[in-house]
Amino acid sequence: MTSCRQQAIDTANSDSTFSLESAPPIAKQADDANVLKVYVEKNGTIFANGTQVTIDELDNQLKQLKEKNGIVWYSRDNLSDDPSREAMAAVNIILQYELSVKFYADKEFTKEANF
């Protein structure tokens, strides 16, 4: 059985296209304990709640978040450019866990993204 992490990496490596239609609906309200803020820099560095993490660590945190029915707040550097492989892998893992996602346009998670 392939892990969510490996499936996400394989999908990101195949240059798949992320679709907002495939994302679960956003939770109406979420308290901070059930929110994981994921930010990916242009160079592919991933942060979860402000701490740098590997893709494996992110996978583990998302798995735990799924068990709590949590929500992901996601943002990445330079939304006008194509996402990095790491950004695609992160989004694919989020989708594989069928987590609700709220997209932001800034690193501070204060400005919601408009697509």
PDB file of N, CA and C in Angstrom:
ATOM      1  N   MET A   1       0.842  -1.173   0.000  1.00  0.00           N
ATOM      2  CA  MET A   1       0.000   0.000   0.000  1.00  0.00           C
ATOM      3  C   MET A   1       0.893   1.245   0.000  1.00  0.00           C
ATOM      4  N   THR A   2       0.637   2.151  -0.897  1.00  0.00           N
ATOM      5  CA  THR A   2       1.428   3.362  -1.018  1.00  0.00           C
ATOM      6  C   THR A   2       0.932   4.400  -0.024  1.00  0.00           C
ATOM      7  N   SER A   3       1.874   5.073   0.634  1.00  0.00           N
ATOM      8  CA  SER A   3       1.502   6.096   1.612  1.00  0.00           C
ATOM      9  C   SER A   3       0.972   7.337   0.902  1.00  0.00           C
ATOM     10  N   CYS A   4       0.234   8.164   1.655  1.00  0.00           N
ATOM     11  CA  CYS A   4      -0.254   9.436   1.107  1.00  0.00           C
ATOM     12  C   CYS A   4       0.910  10.292   0.649  1.00  0.00           C
ATOM     13  N   ARG A   5       1.994  10.285   1.442  1.00  0.00           N
ATOM     14  CA  ARG A   5       3.161  11.083   1.102  1.00  0.00           C
ATOM     15  C   ARG A   5       3.720  10.653  -0.242  1.00  0.00           C
ATOM     16  N   GLN A   6       3.892   9.344  -0.449  1.00  0.00           N
ATOM     17  CA  GLN A   6       4.470   8.856  -1.693  1.00  0.00           C
ATOM     18  C   GLN A   6       3.544   9.127  -2.870  1.00  0.00           C
ATOM     19  N   GLN A   7       2.239   8.948  -2.671  1.00  0.00           N
ATOM     20  CA  GLN A   7       1.291   9.249  -3.740  1.00  0.00           C
ATOM     21  C   GLN A   7       1.357  10.721  -4.120  1.00  0.00           C
ATOM     22  N   ALA A   8       1.479  11.592  -3.121  1.00  0.00           N
ATOM     23  CA  ALA A   8       1.547  13.031  -3.389  1.00  0.00           C
ATOM     24  C   ALA A   8       2.808  13.387  -4.158  1.00  0.00           C
ATOM     25  N   ILE A   9       3.925  12.796  -3.764  1.00  0.00           N
ATOM     26  CA  ILE A   9       5.184  13.058  -4.462  1.00  0.00           C
ATOM     27  C   ILE A   9       5.106  12.544  -5.890  1.00  0.00           C
ATOM     28  N   ASP A  10       4.575  11.329  -6.068  1.00  0.00           N
ATOM     29  CA  ASP A  10       4.433  10.772  -7.410  1.00  0.00           C
ATOM     30  C   ASP A  10       3.545  11.655  -8.277  1.00  0.00           C
ATOM     31  N   THR A  11       2.441  12.130  -7.697  1.00  0.00           N
ATOM     32  CA  THR A  11       1.528  12.988  -8.436  1.00  0.00           C
ATOM     33  C   THR A  11       2.190  14.308  -8.778  1.00  0.00           C
ATOM     34  N   ALA A  12       2.904  14.902  -7.825  1.00  0.00           N
ATOM     35  CA  ALA A  12       3.594  16.174  -8.079  1.00  0.00           C
ATOM     36  C   ALA A  12       4.664  16.000  -9.145  1.00  0.00           C
ATOM     37  N   ASN A  13       5.353  14.878  -9.120  1.00  0.00           N
ATOM     38  CA  ASN A  13       6.400  14.621 -10.108  1.00  0.00           C
ATOM     39  C   ASN A  13       5.829  14.422 -11.503  1.00  0.00           C
ATOM     40  N   SER A  14       4.562  14.042 -11.600  1.00  0.00           N
ATOM     41  CA  SER A  14       3.956  13.822 -12.907  1.00  0.00           C
ATOM     42  C   SER A  14       3.334  15.098 -13.467  1.00  0.00           C
ATOM     43  N   ASP A  15       3.642  16.241 -12.803  1.00  0.00           N
ATOM     44  CA  ASP A  15       3.157  17.546 -13.264  1.00  0.00           C
ATOM     45  C   ASP A  15       1.639  17.602 -13.344  1.00  0.00           C
ATOM     46  N   SER A  16       0.966  17.028 -12.352  1.00  0.00           N
ATOM     47  CA  SER A  16      -0.485  17.072 -12.329  1.00  0.00           C
ATOM     48  C   SER A  16      -0.955  18.488 -12.043  1.00  0.00           C
ATOM     49  N   THR A  17      -2.182  18.748 -12.371  1.00  0.00           N
ATOM     50  CA  THR A  17      -2.763  20.058 -12.149  1.00  0.00           C
ATOM     51  C   THR A  17      -3.724  19.990 -10.984  1.00  0.00           C
ATOM     52  N   PHE A  18      -3.542  20.894 -10.027  1.00  0.00           N
ATOM     53  CA  PHE A  18      -4.432  20.974  -8.872  1.00  0.00           C
ATOM     54  C   PHE A  18      -5.733  21.624  -9.301  1.00  0.00           C
ATOM     55  N   SER A  19      -6.837  21.097  -8.818  1.00  0.00           N
ATOM     56  CA  SER A  19      -8.137  21.647  -9.129  1.00  0.00           C
ATOM     57  C   SER A  19      -8.863  22.022  -7.850  1.00  0.00           C
ATOM     58  N   LEU A  20      -9.347  23.249  -7.774  1.00  0.00           N
ATOM     59  CA  LEU A  20     -10.109  23.664  -6.598  1.00  0.00           C
ATOM     60  C   LEU A  20     -11.379  22.843  -6.448  1.00  0.00           C
ATOM     61  N   GLU A  21     -11.917  22.341  -7.551  1.00  0.00           N
ATOM     62  CA  GLU A  21     -13.134  21.550  -7.485  1.00  0.00           C
ATOM     63  C   GLU A  21     -12.932  20.256  -6.704  1.00  0.00           C
ATOM     64  N   SER A  22     -11.694  19.782  -6.625  1.00  0.00           N
ATOM     65  CA  SER A  22     -11.430  18.529  -5.924  1.00  0.00           C
ATOM     66  C   SER A  22     -11.248  18.717  -4.427  1.00  0.00           C
ATOM     67  N   ALA A  23     -11.185  19.963  -3.971  1.00  0.00           N
ATOM     68  CA  ALA A  23     -10.983  20.230  -2.546  1.00  0.00           C
ATOM     69  C   ALA A  23     -12.299  20.119  -1.792  1.00  0.00           C
ATOM     70  N   PRO A  24     -12.267  19.555  -0.572  1.00  0.00           N
ATOM     71  CA  PRO A  24     -13.481  19.491   0.237  1.00  0.00           C
ATOM     72  C   PRO A  24     -13.929  20.892   0.639  1.00  0.00           C
ATOM     73  N   PRO A  25     -15.206  21.047   1.013  1.00  0.00           N
ATOM     74  CA  PRO A  25     -15.681  22.368   1.425  1.00  0.00           C
ATOM     75  C   PRO A  25     -14.970  22.853   2.677  1.00  0.00           C
ATOM     76  N   ILE A  26     -14.899  24.152   2.812  1.00  0.00           N
ATOM     77  CA  ILE A  26     -14.230  24.765   3.957  1.00  0.00           C
ATOM     78  C   ILE A  26     -15.147  24.706   5.170  1.00  0.00           C
ATOM     79  N   ALA A  27     -14.566  24.389   6.294  1.00  0.00           N
ATOM     80  CA  ALA A  27     -15.334  24.380   7.539  1.00  0.00           C
ATOM     81  C   ALA A  27     -15.811  25.795   7.841  1.00  0.00           C
ATOM     82  N   LYS A  28     -16.977  25.899   8.441  1.00  0.00           N
ATOM     83  CA  LYS A  28     -17.546  27.207   8.764  1.00  0.00           C
ATOM     84  C   LYS A  28     -16.660  27.971   9.732  1.00  0.00           C
ATOM     85  N   GLN A  29     -16.214  27.318  10.779  1.00  0.00           N
ATOM     86  CA  GLN A  29     -15.371  27.952  11.780  1.00  0.00           C
ATOM     87  C   GLN A  29     -14.364  26.925  12.246  1.00  0.00           C
ATOM     88  N   ALA A  30     -13.196  27.376  12.564  1.00  0.00           N
ATOM     89  CA  ALA A  30     -12.179  26.449  13.052  1.00  0.00           C
ATOM     90  C   ALA A  30     -11.420  27.117  14.181  1.00  0.00           C
ATOM     91  N   ASP A  31     -11.242  26.383  15.289  1.00  0.00           N
ATOM     92  CA  ASP A  31     -10.416  26.960  16.338  1.00  0.00           C
ATOM     93  C   ASP A  31      -8.962  26.636  16.031  1.00  0.00           C
ATOM     94  N   ASP A  32      -8.054  27.387  16.653  1.00  0.00           N
ATOM     95  CA  ASP A  32      -6.635  27.266  16.324  1.00  0.00           C
ATOM     96  C   ASP A  32      -6.075  25.865  16.537  1.00  0.00           C
ATOM     97  N   ALA A  33      -6.637  25.107  17.477  1.00  0.00           N
ATOM     98  CA  ALA A  33      -6.141  23.756  17.739  1.00  0.00           C
ATOM     99  C   ALA A  33      -6.424  22.825  16.568  1.00  0.00           C
ATOM    100  N   ASN A  34      -7.410  23.155  15.772  1.00  0.00           N
ATOM    101  CA  ASN A  34      -7.778  22.308  14.644  1.00  0.00           C
ATOM    102  C   ASN A  34      -7.389  22.918  13.302  1.00  0.00           C
ATOM    103  N   VAL A  35      -6.462  23.870  13.324  1.00  0.00           N
ATOM    104  CA  VAL A  35      -5.985  24.516  12.101  1.00  0.00           C
ATOM    105  C   VAL A  35      -4.498  24.238  11.940  1.00  0.00           C
ATOM    106  N   LEU A  36      -4.111  23.822  10.738  1.00  0.00           N
ATOM    107  CA  LEU A  36      -2.693  23.693  10.413  1.00  0.00           C
ATOM    108  C   LEU A  36      -2.410  24.686   9.296  1.00  0.00           C
ATOM    109  N   LYS A  37      -1.548  25.649   9.575  1.00  0.00           N
ATOM    110  CA  LYS A  37      -1.188  26.668   8.596  1.00  0.00           C
ATOM    111  C   LYS A  37       0.038  26.190   7.829  1.00  0.00           C
ATOM    112  N   VAL A  38      -0.165  25.915   6.548  1.00  0.00           N
ATOM    113  CA  VAL A  38       0.905  25.399   5.692  1.00  0.00           C
ATOM    114  C   VAL A  38       1.320  26.496   4.718  1.00  0.00           C
ATOM    115  N   TYR A  39       2.608  26.806   4.727  1.00  0.00           N
ATOM    116  CA  TYR A  39       3.160  27.813   3.825  1.00  0.00           C
ATOM    117  C   TYR A  39       4.358  27.208   3.104  1.00  0.00           C
ATOM    118  N   VAL A  40       4.402  27.385   1.780  1.00  0.00           N
ATOM    119  CA  VAL A  40       5.510  26.857   0.986  1.00  0.00           C
ATOM    120  C   VAL A  40       6.208  28.023   0.291  1.00  0.00           C
ATOM    121  N   GLU A  41       7.513  28.141   0.542  1.00  0.00           N
ATOM    122  CA  GLU A  41       8.310  29.189  -0.095  1.00  0.00           C
ATOM    123  C   GLU A  41       8.596  28.824  -1.547  1.00  0.00           C
ATOM    124  N   LYS A  42       8.993  29.813  -2.314  1.00  0.00           N
ATOM    125  CA  LYS A  42       9.280  29.610  -3.737  1.00  0.00           C
ATOM    126  C   LYS A  42      10.342  28.533  -3.953  1.00  0.00           C
ATOM    127  N   ASN A  43      11.310  28.447  -3.028  1.00  0.00           N
ATOM    128  CA  ASN A  43      12.383  27.457  -3.167  1.00  0.00           C
ATOM    129  C   ASN A  43      11.957  26.058  -2.726  1.00  0.00           C
ATOM    130  N   GLY A  44      10.693  25.910  -2.271  1.00  0.00           N
ATOM    131  CA  GLY A  44      10.184  24.593  -1.889  1.00  0.00           C
ATOM    132  C   GLY A  44      10.219  24.299  -0.404  1.00  0.00           C
ATOM    133  N   THR A  45      10.754  25.210   0.398  1.00  0.00           N
ATOM    134  CA  THR A  45      10.780  25.005   1.848  1.00  0.00           C
ATOM    135  C   THR A  45       9.352  25.062   2.378  1.00  0.00           C
ATOM    136  N   ILE A  46       8.994  24.062   3.180  1.00  0.00           N
ATOM    137  CA  ILE A  46       7.630  23.943   3.706  1.00  0.00           C
ATOM    138  C   ILE A  46       7.617  24.304   5.184  1.00  0.00           C
ATOM    139  N   PHE A  47       6.608  25.076   5.575  1.00  0.00           N
ATOM    140  CA  PHE A  47       6.399  25.433   6.977  1.00  0.00           C
ATOM    141  C   PHE A  47       5.010  24.983   7.403  1.00  0.00           C
ATOM    142  N   ALA A  48       4.913  24.446   8.610  1.00  0.00           N
ATOM    143  CA  ALA A  48       3.627  24.084   9.210  1.00  0.00           C
ATOM    144  C   ALA A  48       3.541  24.805  10.545  1.00  0.00           C
ATOM    145  N   ASN A  49       2.561  25.685  10.659  1.00  0.00           N
ATOM    146  CA  ASN A  49       2.410  26.527  11.853  1.00  0.00           C
ATOM    147  C   ASN A  49       3.713  27.237  12.216  1.00  0.00           C
ATOM    148  N   GLY A  50       4.415  27.720  11.189  1.00  0.00           N
ATOM    149  CA  GLY A  50       5.615  28.519  11.394  1.00  0.00           C
ATOM    150  C   GLY A  50       6.908  27.752  11.575  1.00  0.00           C
ATOM    151  N   THR A  51       6.835  26.431  11.614  1.00  0.00           N
ATOM    152  CA  THR A  51       8.020  25.599  11.804  1.00  0.00           C
ATOM    153  C   THR A  51       8.362  24.889  10.503  1.00  0.00           C
ATOM    154  N   GLN A  52       9.634  24.949  10.100  1.00  0.00           N
ATOM    155  CA  GLN A  52      10.054  24.259   8.888  1.00  0.00           C
ATOM    156  C   GLN A  52       9.898  22.757   9.072  1.00  0.00           C
ATOM    157  N   VAL A  53       9.294  22.101   8.062  1.00  0.00           N
ATOM    158  CA  VAL A  53       9.058  20.659   8.124  1.00  0.00           C
ATOM    159  C   VAL A  53       9.446  20.006   6.803  1.00  0.00           C
ATOM    160  N   THR A  54       9.703  18.711   6.877  1.00  0.00           N
ATOM    161  CA  THR A  54       9.911  17.914   5.671  1.00  0.00           C
ATOM    162  C   THR A  54       8.540  17.474   5.165  1.00  0.00           C
ATOM    163  N   ILE A  55       8.497  16.933   3.974  1.00  0.00           N
ATOM    164  CA  ILE A  55       7.236  16.435   3.426  1.00  0.00           C
ATOM    165  C   ILE A  55       6.708  15.277   4.279  1.00  0.00           C
ATOM    166  N   ASP A  56       7.613  14.456   4.840  1.00  0.00           N
ATOM    167  CA  ASP A  56       7.192  13.363   5.723  1.00  0.00           C
ATOM    168  C   ASP A  56       6.561  13.896   7.003  1.00  0.00           C
ATOM    169  N   GLU A  57       7.169  14.933   7.568  1.00  0.00           N
ATOM    170  CA  GLU A  57       6.621  15.533   8.790  1.00  0.00           C
ATOM    171  C   GLU A  57       5.268  16.180   8.512  1.00  0.00           C
ATOM    172  N   LEU A  58       5.143  16.823   7.355  1.00  0.00           N
ATOM    173  CA  LEU A  58       3.864  17.416   6.979  1.00  0.00           C
ATOM    174  C   LEU A  58       2.803  16.330   6.837  1.00  0.00           C
ATOM    175  N   ASP A  59       3.159  15.237   6.195  1.00  0.00           N
ATOM    176  CA  ASP A  59       2.233  14.114   6.038  1.00  0.00           C
ATOM    177  C   ASP A  59       1.726  13.652   7.402  1.00  0.00           C
ATOM    178  N   ASN A  60       2.621  13.502   8.357  1.00  0.00           N
ATOM    179  CA  ASN A  60       2.244  13.058   9.696  1.00  0.00           C
ATOM    180  C   ASN A  60       1.315  14.067  10.376  1.00  0.00           C
ATOM    181  N   GLN A  61       1.634  15.353  10.252  1.00  0.00           N
ATOM    182  CA  GLN A  61       0.789  16.379  10.863  1.00  0.00           C
ATOM    183  C   GLN A  61      -0.594  16.419  10.220  1.00  0.00           C
ATOM    184  N   LEU A  62      -0.654  16.226   8.910  1.00  0.00           N
ATOM    185  CA  LEU A  62      -1.942  16.216   8.223  1.00  0.00           C
ATOM    186  C   LEU A  62      -2.765  14.990   8.611  1.00  0.00           C
ATOM    187  N   LYS A  63      -2.096  13.865   8.801  1.00  0.00           N
ATOM    188  CA  LYS A  63      -2.790  12.655   9.253  1.00  0.00           C
ATOM    189  C   LYS A  63      -3.425  12.897  10.623  1.00  0.00           C
ATOM    190  N   GLN A  64      -2.674  13.514  11.523  1.00  0.00           N
ATOM    191  CA  GLN A  64      -3.205  13.825  12.856  1.00  0.00           C
ATOM    192  C   GLN A  64      -4.347  14.835  12.767  1.00  0.00           C
ATOM    193  N   LEU A  65      -4.213  15.800  11.877  1.00  0.00           N
ATOM    194  CA  LEU A  65      -5.259  16.801  11.696  1.00  0.00           C
ATOM    195  C   LEU A  65      -6.545  16.154  11.185  1.00  0.00           C
ATOM    196  N   LYS A  66      -6.409  15.194  10.294  1.00  0.00           N
ATOM    197  CA  LYS A  66      -7.573  14.475   9.761  1.00  0.00           C
ATOM    198  C   LYS A  66      -8.329  13.784  10.888  1.00  0.00           C
ATOM    199  N   GLU A  67      -7.594  13.197  11.827  1.00  0.00           N
ATOM    200  CA  GLU A  67      -8.220  12.505  12.954  1.00  0.00           C
ATOM    201  C   GLU A  67      -9.013  13.468  13.836  1.00  0.00           C
ATOM    202  N   LYS A  68      -8.648  14.768  13.815  1.00  0.00           N
ATOM    203  CA  LYS A  68      -9.340  15.784  14.616  1.00  0.00           C
ATOM    204  C   LYS A  68     -10.369  16.557  13.786  1.00  0.00           C
ATOM    205  N   ASN A  69     -10.570  16.127  12.528  1.00  0.00           N
ATOM    206  CA  ASN A  69     -11.464  16.841  11.609  1.00  0.00           C
ATOM    207  C   ASN A  69     -11.070  18.312  11.482  1.00  0.00           C
ATOM    208  N   GLY A  70      -9.772  18.544  11.354  1.00  0.00           N
ATOM    209  CA  GLY A  70      -9.253  19.903  11.275  1.00  0.00           C
ATOM    210  C   GLY A  70      -9.313  20.487   9.878  1.00  0.00           C
ATOM    211  N   ILE A  71      -8.802  21.690   9.775  1.00  0.00           N
ATOM    212  CA  ILE A  71      -8.785  22.428   8.513  1.00  0.00           C
ATOM    213  C   ILE A  71      -7.362  22.924   8.242  1.00  0.00           C
ATOM    214  N   VAL A  72      -7.016  22.995   6.974  1.00  0.00           N
ATOM    215  CA  VAL A  72      -5.709  23.505   6.558  1.00  0.00           C
ATOM    216  C   VAL A  72      -5.887  24.915   6.012  1.00  0.00           C
ATOM    217  N   TRP A  73      -5.041  25.808   6.482  1.00  0.00           N
ATOM    218  CA  TRP A  73      -4.907  27.114   5.859  1.00  0.00           C
ATOM    219  C   TRP A  73      -3.638  27.025   5.034  1.00  0.00           C
ATOM    220  N   TYR A  74      -3.750  27.250   3.730  1.00  0.00           N
ATOM    221  CA  TYR A  74      -2.627  27.039   2.819  1.00  0.00           C
ATOM    222  C   TYR A  74      -2.273  28.334   2.095  1.00  0.00           C
ATOM    223  N   SER A  75      -0.980  28.577   1.993  1.00  0.00           N
ATOM    224  CA  SER A  75      -0.478  29.691   1.205  1.00  0.00           C
ATOM    225  C   SER A  75       0.894  29.315   0.666  1.00  0.00           C
ATOM    226  N   ARG A  76       1.259  29.977  -0.407  1.00  0.00           N
ATOM    227  CA  ARG A  76       2.603  29.768  -0.939  1.00  0.00           C
ATOM    228  C   ARG A  76       3.123  31.076  -1.489  1.00  0.00           C
ATOM    229  N   ASP A  77       4.429  31.137  -1.577  1.00  0.00           N
ATOM    230  CA  ASP A  77       5.105  32.319  -2.088  1.00  0.00           C
ATOM    231  C   ASP A  77       4.786  32.502  -3.563  1.00  0.00           C
ATOM    232  N   ASN A  78       4.579  33.742  -3.973  1.00  0.00           N
ATOM    233  CA  ASN A  78       4.423  34.117  -5.372  1.00  0.00           C
ATOM    234  C   ASN A  78       3.344  33.307  -6.086  1.00  0.00           C
ATOM    235  N   LEU A  79       2.103  33.591  -5.737  1.00  0.00           N
ATOM    236  CA  LEU A  79       0.968  32.869  -6.317  1.00  0.00           C
ATOM    237  C   LEU A  79       0.849  33.025  -7.825  1.00  0.00           C
ATOM    238  N   SER A  80       1.458  34.057  -8.390  1.00  0.00           N
ATOM    239  CA  SER A  80       1.348  34.274  -9.833  1.00  0.00           C
ATOM    240  C   SER A  80       2.223  33.316 -10.637  1.00  0.00           C
ATOM    241  N   ASP A  81       3.216  32.706 -10.011  1.00  0.00           N
ATOM    242  CA  ASP A  81       4.072  31.724 -10.686  1.00  0.00           C
ATOM    243  C   ASP A  81       3.506  30.322 -10.522  1.00  0.00           C
ATOM    244  N   ASP A  82       3.989  29.405 -11.345  1.00  0.00           N
ATOM    245  CA  ASP A  82       3.621  28.004 -11.180  1.00  0.00           C
ATOM    246  C   ASP A  82       4.138  27.509  -9.838  1.00  0.00           C
ATOM    247  N   PRO A  83       3.390  26.618  -9.184  1.00  0.00           N
ATOM    248  CA  PRO A  83       3.845  26.095  -7.887  1.00  0.00           C
ATOM    249  C   PRO A  83       5.065  25.196  -8.043  1.00  0.00           C
ATOM    250  N   SER A  84       5.885  25.175  -7.004  1.00  0.00           N
ATOM    251  CA  SER A  84       7.035  24.271  -6.983  1.00  0.00           C
ATOM    252  C   SER A  84       6.545  22.833  -6.829  1.00  0.00           C
ATOM    253  N   ARG A  85       7.436  21.897  -7.066  1.00  0.00           N
ATOM    254  CA  ARG A  85       7.109  20.484  -6.890  1.00  0.00           C
ATOM    255  C   ARG A  85       6.689  20.212  -5.444  1.00  0.00           C
ATOM    256  N   GLU A  86       7.367  20.868  -4.503  1.00  0.00           N
ATOM    257  CA  GLU A  86       7.050  20.684  -3.084  1.00  0.00           C
ATOM    258  C   GLU A  86       5.669  21.245  -2.751  1.00  0.00           C
ATOM    259  N   ALA A  87       5.326  22.382  -3.349  1.00  0.00           N
ATOM    260  CA  ALA A  87       3.996  22.963  -3.129  1.00  0.00           C
ATOM    261  C   ALA A  87       2.920  22.029  -3.668  1.00  0.00           C
ATOM    262  N   MET A  88       3.148  21.456  -4.831  1.00  0.00           N
ATOM    263  CA  MET A  88       2.186  20.505  -5.403  1.00  0.00           C
ATOM    264  C   MET A  88       2.071  19.257  -4.536  1.00  0.00           C
ATOM    265  N   ALA A  89       3.207  18.770  -4.035  1.00  0.00           N
ATOM    266  CA  ALA A  89       3.176  17.586  -3.167  1.00  0.00           C
ATOM    267  C   ALA A  89       2.389  17.882  -1.899  1.00  0.00           C
ATOM    268  N   ALA A  90       2.587  19.064  -1.324  1.00  0.00           N
ATOM    269  CA  ALA A  90       1.862  19.439  -0.107  1.00  0.00           C
ATOM    270  C   ALA A  90       0.359  19.483  -0.369  1.00  0.00           C
ATOM    271  N   VAL A  91      -0.050  20.118  -1.449  1.00  0.00           N
ATOM    272  CA  VAL A  91      -1.477  20.207  -1.781  1.00  0.00           C
ATOM    273  C   VAL A  91      -2.048  18.819  -2.057  1.00  0.00           C
ATOM    274  N   ASN A  92      -1.302  17.988  -2.749  1.00  0.00           N
ATOM    275  CA  ASN A  92      -1.790  16.639  -3.045  1.00  0.00           C
ATOM    276  C   ASN A  92      -1.997  15.819  -1.780  1.00  0.00           C
ATOM    277  N   ILE A  93      -1.118  15.961  -0.798  1.00  0.00           N
ATOM    278  CA  ILE A  93      -1.301  15.246   0.473  1.00  0.00           C
ATOM    279  C   ILE A  93      -2.552  15.766   1.176  1.00  0.00           C
ATOM    280  N   ILE A  94      -2.721  17.075   1.183  1.00  0.00           N
ATOM    281  CA  ILE A  94      -3.915  17.669   1.796  1.00  0.00           C
ATOM    282  C   ILE A  94      -5.172  17.080   1.159  1.00  0.00           C
ATOM    283  N   LEU A  95      -5.190  17.014  -0.155  1.00  0.00           N
ATOM    284  CA  LEU A  95      -6.352  16.483  -0.869  1.00  0.00           C
ATOM    285  C   LEU A  95      -6.552  14.997  -0.619  1.00  0.00           C
ATOM    286  N   GLN A  96      -5.467  14.244  -0.527  1.00  0.00           N
ATOM    287  CA  GLN A  96      -5.599  12.810  -0.294  1.00  0.00           C
ATOM    288  C   GLN A  96      -6.191  12.506   1.073  1.00  0.00           C
ATOM    289  N   TYR A  97      -5.935  13.372   2.041  1.00  0.00           N
ATOM    290  CA  TYR A  97      -6.551  13.203   3.362  1.00  0.00           C
ATOM    291  C   TYR A  97      -7.960  13.795   3.399  1.00  0.00           C
ATOM    292  N   GLU A  98      -8.390  14.380   2.279  1.00  0.00           N
ATOM    293  CA  GLU A  98      -9.723  14.971   2.152  1.00  0.00           C
ATOM    294  C   GLU A  98      -9.984  16.009   3.241  1.00  0.00           C
ATOM    295  N   LEU A  99      -8.966  16.822   3.489  1.00  0.00           N
ATOM    296  CA  LEU A  99      -9.082  17.888   4.479  1.00  0.00           C
ATOM    297  C   LEU A  99      -9.682  19.141   3.843  1.00  0.00           C
ATOM    298  N   SER A 100     -10.431  19.881   4.627  1.00  0.00           N
ATOM    299  CA  SER A 100     -10.925  21.175   4.175  1.00  0.00           C
ATOM    300  C   SER A 100      -9.745  22.132   4.093  1.00  0.00           C
ATOM    301  N   VAL A 101      -9.779  23.004   3.094  1.00  0.00           N
ATOM    302  CA  VAL A 101      -8.661  23.922   2.862  1.00  0.00           C
ATOM    303  C   VAL A 101      -9.191  25.337   2.670  1.00  0.00           C
ATOM    304  N   LYS A 102      -8.515  26.275   3.295  1.00  0.00           N
ATOM    305  CA  LYS A 102      -8.780  27.692   3.076  1.00  0.00           C
ATOM    306  C   LYS A 102      -7.490  28.272   2.509  1.00  0.00           C
ATOM    307  N   PHE A 103      -7.583  28.898   1.347  1.00  0.00           N
ATOM    308  CA  PHE A 103      -6.398  29.407   0.662  1.00  0.00           C
ATOM    309  C   PHE A 103      -6.158  30.879   0.988  1.00  0.00           C
ATOM    310  N   TYR A 104      -4.890  31.187   1.218  1.00  0.00           N
ATOM    311  CA  TYR A 104      -4.476  32.550   1.537  1.00  0.00           C
ATOM    312  C   TYR A 104      -3.436  33.027   0.543  1.00  0.00           C
ATOM    313  N   ALA A 105      -3.306  34.346   0.442  1.00  0.00           N
ATOM    314  CA  ALA A 105      -2.374  34.953  -0.507  1.00  0.00           C
ATOM    315  C   ALA A 105      -1.145  35.536   0.170  1.00  0.00           C
ATOM    316  N   ASP A 106      -0.986  35.294   1.467  1.00  0.00           N
ATOM    317  CA  ASP A 106       0.154  35.864   2.176  1.00  0.00           C
ATOM    318  C   ASP A 106       0.675  34.896   3.236  1.00  0.00           C
ATOM    319  N   LYS A 107       1.902  35.147   3.658  1.00  0.00           N
ATOM    320  CA  LYS A 107       2.569  34.278   4.632  1.00  0.00           C
ATOM    321  C   LYS A 107       1.952  34.393   6.026  1.00  0.00           C
ATOM    322  N   GLU A 108       1.295  35.500   6.304  1.00  0.00           N
ATOM    323  CA  GLU A 108       0.707  35.731   7.626  1.00  0.00           C
ATOM    324  C   GLU A 108      -0.716  35.179   7.738  1.00  0.00           C
ATOM    325  N   PHE A 109      -1.268  34.674   6.634  1.00  0.00           N
ATOM    326  CA  PHE A 109      -2.619  34.111   6.601  1.00  0.00           C
ATOM    327  C   PHE A 109      -3.667  35.144   7.020  1.00  0.00           C
ATOM    328  N   THR A 110      -3.535  36.352   6.472  1.00  0.00           N
ATOM    329  CA  THR A 110      -4.501  37.405   6.763  1.00  0.00           C
ATOM    330  C   THR A 110      -5.320  37.796   5.534  1.00  0.00           C
ATOM    331  N   LYS A 111      -4.812  37.495   4.340  1.00  0.00           N
ATOM    332  CA  LYS A 111      -5.490  37.879   3.102  1.00  0.00           C
ATOM    333  C   LYS A 111      -5.907  36.616   2.347  1.00  0.00           C
ATOM    334  N   GLU A 112      -7.219  36.412   2.247  1.00  0.00           N
ATOM    335  CA  GLU A 112      -7.707  35.236   1.532  1.00  0.00           C
ATOM    336  C   GLU A 112      -7.380  35.354   0.050  1.00  0.00           C
ATOM    337  N   ALA A 113      -7.046  34.218  -0.552  1.00  0.00           N
ATOM    338  CA  ALA A 113      -6.705  34.192  -1.975  1.00  0.00           C
ATOM    339  C   ALA A 113      -7.974  34.282  -2.810  1.00  0.00           C
ATOM    340  N   ASN A 114      -7.899  35.024  -3.892  1.00  0.00           N
ATOM    341  CA  ASN A 114      -9.002  35.122  -4.854  1.00  0.00           C
ATOM    342  C   ASN A 114      -8.578  34.420  -6.129  1.00  0.00           C
ATOM    343  N   PHE A 115      -9.291  33.362  -6.470  1.00  0.00           N
ATOM    344  CA  PHE A 115      -8.942  32.609  -7.682  1.00  0.00           C
ATOM    345  C   PHE A 115      -9.916  32.906  -8.778  1.00  0.00           C
TER     346      PHE A 115
END
